[in-house]
Amino acid sequence: MKSIKSLLLLAILTIAVSFQIQAQKQFKALLVTTTRGWHHESIHAGVLAIQQLGVKNFFQVDLLEDNNGFTDKTLANYQVVIFLNTTGDIFNDEEQKVMERFIRSGKGYMGIHAAADTEYDWAWYTQLVGRMFHIHPTIQSARLNVLDASFPGLEGFANNKQWTDEWYEFGPDKVEGLHTILSIDETSYNPNVQWGAKIGKGMGKLHPIAWYHEFDGGRAFYTNLGHMPTDFSDPTYLSHIAAGIIWAATGKK
């Protein structure tokens, strides 16, 4: 009788361990939506969409509810931090150091749209992103060019896909080694804009829209797409950001 009970207990423990292993996600992502400037209406749609990407691609997505929770101890549980349409100076000095240590430990960053309109005075962050927002014209439709078809998630942008979004003009590269995978054809829209003394005339033949690079021991991926709430229900766009998140988290394409 004792032997039967032992076997039953062993079977139960085996099943419990099996369920636990099956339940472990391939990685955890921390989603940051803090704004200290313009608040994009697409943030809500973006949060829901990225959570569903986690369900579909079997990774866990947790929303940063309070910046006070942005600590070394908390981030030790994550493989990637996603900045979704963040704006302005969102972190204090200690939180910035936490982010720097996170990347230096070999982990990843994913920036979406206004993530390039964040923390201009934090030099390390501007290098992490790679290029920072300068100005943008009115929302327009334009043609996109795939520059590196070997990077996953770009299939839907092939053949000069037309896309409607808020096209950022970026300042100069903040770091060398940026791998641009998606660009915009400036002949397909009007890039000219003026905000007081600030003027935008486009970026010329190579106008980057999405890129990635290895930086300071970790990885960073950025995409300009994501201003429109409708972006986050488009399968082409969802495949694009899923590929970026997975690469930033794992280094695997």
Protein backbone atom coordinates (compact mmCIF):
# COMPACT_ATOMS: atom_id res chain seq x y z
CA MET A 1 0.00 0.00 0.00
CA LYS A 2 2.83 2.33 0.92
CA SER A 3 4.51 1.60 -2.41
CA ILE A 4 1.32 2.47 -4.33
CA LYS A 5 1.00 5.76 -2.44
CA SER A 6 4.62 6.60 -3.23
CA LEU A 7 4.08 5.88 -6.91
CA LEU A 8 0.94 8.05 -6.94
CA LEU A 9 2.78 10.89 -5.22
CA LEU A 10 5.66 10.60 -7.70
CA ALA A 11 3.20 10.68 -10.61
CA ILE A 12 1.49 13.78 -9.22
CA LEU A 13 4.82 15.54 -8.72
CA THR A 14 5.93 14.59 -12.24
CA ILE A 15 2.73 16.00 -13.74
CA ALA A 16 3.06 19.20 -11.66
CA VAL A 17 6.65 19.72 -12.80
CA SER A 18 5.64 19.00 -16.41
CA PHE A 19 2.89 21.64 -16.26
CA GLN A 20 5.31 24.13 -14.70
CA ILE A 21 7.85 23.58 -17.49
CA GLN A 22 5.17 23.92 -20.14
CA ALA A 23 3.91 27.13 -18.55
CA GLN A 24 7.29 28.86 -18.60
CA LYS A 25 7.31 31.52 -21.30
CA GLN A 26 10.27 31.77 -23.65
CA PHE A 27 11.10 35.19 -22.14
CA LYS A 28 9.58 38.10 -20.23
CA ALA A 29 9.11 41.64 -21.60
CA LEU A 30 8.56 44.77 -19.53
CA LEU A 31 6.37 47.32 -21.33
CA VAL A 32 7.01 51.00 -20.53
CA THR A 33 4.43 53.62 -21.62
CA THR A 34 5.43 56.58 -19.40
CA THR A 35 4.99 60.01 -20.99
CA ARG A 36 6.23 63.41 -19.90
CA GLY A 37 5.26 65.12 -23.13
CA TRP A 38 2.82 64.27 -25.90
CA HIS A 39 0.57 61.31 -25.02
CA HIS A 40 -0.24 59.20 -28.09
CA GLU A 41 -3.77 57.90 -28.34
CA SER A 42 -2.34 54.72 -29.86
CA ILE A 43 -0.74 53.67 -26.55
CA HIS A 44 -3.85 51.84 -25.35
CA ALA A 45 -4.17 49.91 -28.61
CA GLY A 46 -0.43 49.20 -28.49
CA VAL A 47 -0.55 47.74 -24.99
CA LEU A 48 -3.40 45.39 -25.90
CA ALA A 49 -1.71 44.37 -29.16
CA ILE A 50 1.67 43.64 -27.56
CA GLN A 51 0.00 41.62 -24.83
CA GLN A 52 -1.71 39.55 -27.52
CA LEU A 53 1.62 39.15 -29.35
CA GLY A 54 2.95 37.71 -26.13
CA VAL A 55 0.09 35.20 -26.02
CA LYS A 56 0.58 34.25 -29.67
CA ASN A 57 4.37 34.01 -29.49
CA PHE A 58 4.51 32.60 -25.96
CA PHE A 59 6.34 35.36 -24.14
CA GLN A 60 5.15 37.19 -21.03
CA VAL A 61 4.32 40.92 -21.17
CA ASP A 62 4.12 42.95 -17.97
CA LEU A 63 3.16 46.62 -17.91
CA LEU A 64 5.26 49.00 -15.83
CA GLU A 65 2.57 50.62 -13.71
CA ASP A 66 4.88 52.74 -11.53
CA ASN A 67 8.40 53.99 -12.31
CA ASN A 68 9.33 53.31 -8.67
CA GLY A 69 9.30 49.66 -9.65
CA PHE A 70 12.05 50.16 -12.23
CA THR A 71 14.86 48.59 -10.20
CA ASP A 72 17.70 46.13 -10.72
CA LYS A 73 15.76 43.52 -8.75
CA THR A 74 12.67 43.89 -10.92
CA LEU A 75 14.52 43.95 -14.23
CA ALA A 76 16.46 40.80 -13.34
CA ASN A 77 13.27 38.93 -14.29
CA TYR A 78 13.12 40.35 -17.84
CA GLN A 79 15.00 39.87 -21.09
CA VAL A 80 13.71 42.96 -22.93
CA VAL A 81 12.30 46.38 -22.07
CA ILE A 82 9.86 47.87 -24.61
CA PHE A 83 9.38 51.65 -24.81
CA LEU A 84 5.94 52.17 -26.39
CA ASN A 85 5.44 55.80 -27.45
CA THR A 86 7.23 57.15 -24.40
CA THR A 87 7.97 60.89 -24.47
CA GLY A 88 10.11 63.35 -22.53
CA ASP A 89 12.31 62.72 -19.50
CA ILE A 90 10.73 59.64 -17.96
CA PHE A 91 13.52 58.33 -15.69
CA ASN A 92 15.50 59.88 -12.87
CA ASP A 93 19.27 59.39 -12.55
CA GLU A 94 19.05 56.10 -10.65
CA GLU A 95 16.46 54.63 -13.03
CA GLN A 96 18.72 55.55 -15.94
CA LYS A 97 21.58 53.65 -14.32
CA VAL A 98 19.27 50.65 -13.85
CA MET A 99 18.51 50.67 -17.59
CA GLU A 100 22.20 50.95 -18.46
CA ARG A 101 23.09 47.99 -16.25
CA PHE A 102 20.23 46.00 -17.76
CA ILE A 103 21.57 46.41 -21.30
CA ARG A 104 25.17 45.81 -20.22
CA SER A 105 24.08 42.49 -18.74
CA GLY A 106 23.36 41.30 -22.29
CA LYS A 107 19.66 42.08 -22.54
CA GLY A 108 17.53 44.03 -25.01
CA TYR A 109 15.60 47.22 -25.76
CA MET A 110 12.73 47.73 -28.21
CA GLY A 111 11.70 51.29 -29.11
CA ILE A 112 8.41 52.08 -30.83
CA HIS A 113 7.72 55.40 -32.56
CA ALA A 114 7.97 58.19 -29.92
CA ALA A 115 10.63 56.22 -28.04
CA ALA A 116 12.93 58.37 -30.23
CA ASP A 117 11.28 61.47 -28.71
CA THR A 118 12.39 60.49 -25.21
CA GLU A 119 15.33 61.39 -22.92
CA TYR A 120 17.26 63.70 -25.29
CA ASP A 121 19.62 64.74 -22.47
CA TRP A 122 20.55 61.16 -21.60
CA ALA A 123 23.47 60.63 -23.99
CA TRP A 124 23.66 56.87 -23.40
CA TYR A 125 19.97 56.46 -24.28
CA THR A 126 20.31 58.44 -27.52
CA GLN A 127 23.06 56.02 -28.54
CA LEU A 128 20.91 53.05 -27.54
CA VAL A 129 18.10 54.26 -29.81
CA GLY A 130 20.61 55.26 -32.49
CA ARG A 131 18.77 58.20 -34.02
CA MET A 132 16.56 60.79 -32.33
CA PHE A 133 13.41 62.54 -33.52
CA HIS A 134 13.86 66.00 -35.06
CA ILE A 135 10.55 66.94 -36.71
CA HIS A 136 7.69 65.48 -38.74
CA PRO A 137 5.27 66.72 -41.41
CA THR A 138 1.55 66.01 -41.33
CA ILE A 139 0.44 62.36 -41.44
CA GLN A 140 0.66 61.08 -44.99
CA SER A 141 0.68 57.93 -47.09
CA ALA A 142 4.06 56.96 -48.54
CA ARG A 143 5.94 54.03 -50.02
CA LEU A 144 8.29 51.91 -47.93
CA ASN A 145 11.43 50.08 -49.06
CA VAL A 146 12.71 46.87 -47.46
CA LEU A 147 16.50 47.18 -47.21
CA ASP A 148 17.25 43.87 -45.51
CA ALA A 149 14.82 41.10 -46.34
CA SER A 150 16.84 38.67 -44.21
CA PHE A 151 15.43 40.25 -41.06
CA PRO A 152 12.08 38.61 -40.21
CA GLY A 153 8.76 40.39 -40.02
CA LEU A 154 9.23 42.55 -43.12
CA GLU A 155 7.43 40.32 -45.62
CA GLY A 156 4.30 42.50 -45.61
CA PHE A 157 6.29 45.59 -46.58
CA ALA A 158 7.68 44.10 -49.80
CA ASN A 159 7.09 45.58 -53.26
CA ASN A 160 7.08 49.23 -52.14
CA LYS A 161 4.20 48.80 -49.72
CA GLN A 162 2.20 52.00 -49.20
CA TRP A 163 1.74 52.92 -45.57
CA THR A 164 0.10 55.80 -43.71
CA ASP A 165 1.82 57.05 -40.58
CA GLU A 166 3.61 59.96 -38.94
CA TRP A 167 6.98 60.07 -40.66
CA TYR A 168 9.79 61.20 -38.40
CA GLU A 169 12.77 63.07 -39.72
CA PHE A 170 15.70 62.05 -37.54
CA GLY A 171 18.81 63.89 -36.47
CA PRO A 172 22.31 62.54 -37.16
CA ASP A 173 23.32 59.03 -36.15
CA LYS A 174 24.30 58.89 -32.49
CA VAL A 175 26.39 55.76 -32.89
CA GLU A 176 28.06 53.72 -35.63
CA GLY A 177 26.89 50.30 -36.76
CA LEU A 178 23.14 50.84 -37.16
CA HIS A 179 21.59 48.20 -39.45
CA THR A 180 18.71 49.91 -41.25
CA ILE A 181 16.14 47.41 -42.47
CA LEU A 182 13.27 49.65 -43.60
CA SER A 183 13.24 53.08 -45.24
CA ILE A 184 10.76 55.51 -46.77
CA ASP A 185 10.71 56.80 -50.34
CA GLU A 186 10.71 60.59 -49.93
CA THR A 187 9.51 61.08 -53.51
CA SER A 188 6.19 59.48 -52.47
CA TYR A 189 5.22 62.13 -49.89
CA ASN A 190 5.93 65.74 -48.90
CA PRO A 191 8.58 65.85 -46.14
CA ASN A 192 8.71 69.66 -45.91
CA VAL A 193 7.60 71.14 -42.59
CA GLN A 194 8.35 74.10 -40.34
CA TRP A 195 7.70 74.54 -36.62
CA GLY A 196 8.79 78.08 -35.84
CA ALA A 197 12.56 78.12 -36.26
CA LYS A 198 12.72 74.34 -36.69
CA ILE A 199 12.63 73.21 -40.32
CA GLY A 200 12.35 69.78 -41.89
CA LYS A 201 13.19 68.99 -45.49
CA GLY A 202 13.53 65.23 -45.35
CA MET A 203 16.63 63.06 -45.09
CA GLY A 204 17.38 62.37 -48.74
CA LYS A 205 17.89 59.06 -50.50
CA LEU A 206 18.20 57.07 -47.28
CA HIS A 207 15.44 57.96 -44.87
CA PRO A 208 15.53 55.25 -42.18
CA ILE A 209 12.33 53.95 -40.61
CA ALA A 210 13.46 50.83 -38.71
CA TRP A 211 16.87 49.57 -37.60
CA TYR A 212 18.71 47.45 -35.07
CA HIS A 213 22.18 47.18 -33.56
CA GLU A 214 24.21 45.65 -30.77
CA PHE A 215 25.11 48.21 -28.15
CA ASP A 216 27.05 48.25 -24.87
CA GLY A 217 26.80 44.51 -24.36
CA GLY A 218 23.11 44.22 -25.32
CA ARG A 219 20.74 44.79 -28.23
CA ALA A 220 18.42 47.55 -29.46
CA PHE A 221 15.67 47.58 -32.10
CA TYR A 222 13.69 50.66 -33.15
CA THR A 223 10.79 51.30 -35.51
CA ASN A 224 9.24 54.66 -36.44
CA LEU A 225 5.92 52.99 -37.25
CA GLY A 226 3.27 53.04 -34.55
CA HIS A 227 1.72 56.51 -34.37
CA MET A 228 -1.67 55.38 -35.65
CA PRO A 229 -3.95 53.28 -33.42
CA THR A 230 -4.86 51.28 -36.54
CA ASP A 231 -1.22 50.16 -36.86
CA PHE A 232 -1.75 47.86 -33.90
CA SER A 233 -4.47 45.87 -35.64
CA ASP A 234 -2.57 45.42 -38.90
CA PRO A 235 -0.99 41.94 -39.33
CA THR A 236 1.93 43.40 -41.31
CA TYR A 237 2.84 45.77 -38.51
CA LEU A 238 2.29 43.20 -35.77
CA SER A 239 4.68 40.79 -37.50
CA HIS A 240 7.22 43.63 -37.73
CA ILE A 241 7.20 44.51 -34.04
CA ALA A 242 7.00 40.87 -32.93
CA ALA A 243 10.22 40.16 -34.84
CA GLY A 244 11.85 43.20 -33.25
CA ILE A 245 10.82 42.19 -29.74
CA ILE A 246 12.01 38.61 -30.19
CA TRP A 247 15.38 39.70 -31.59
CA ALA A 248 15.89 42.28 -28.83
CA ALA A 249 15.06 39.69 -26.18
CA THR A 250 16.99 36.74 -27.55
CA GLY A 251 19.38 37.93 -30.26
CA LYS A 252 17.74 35.41 -32.60
CA LYS A 253 16.13 36.34 -35.91
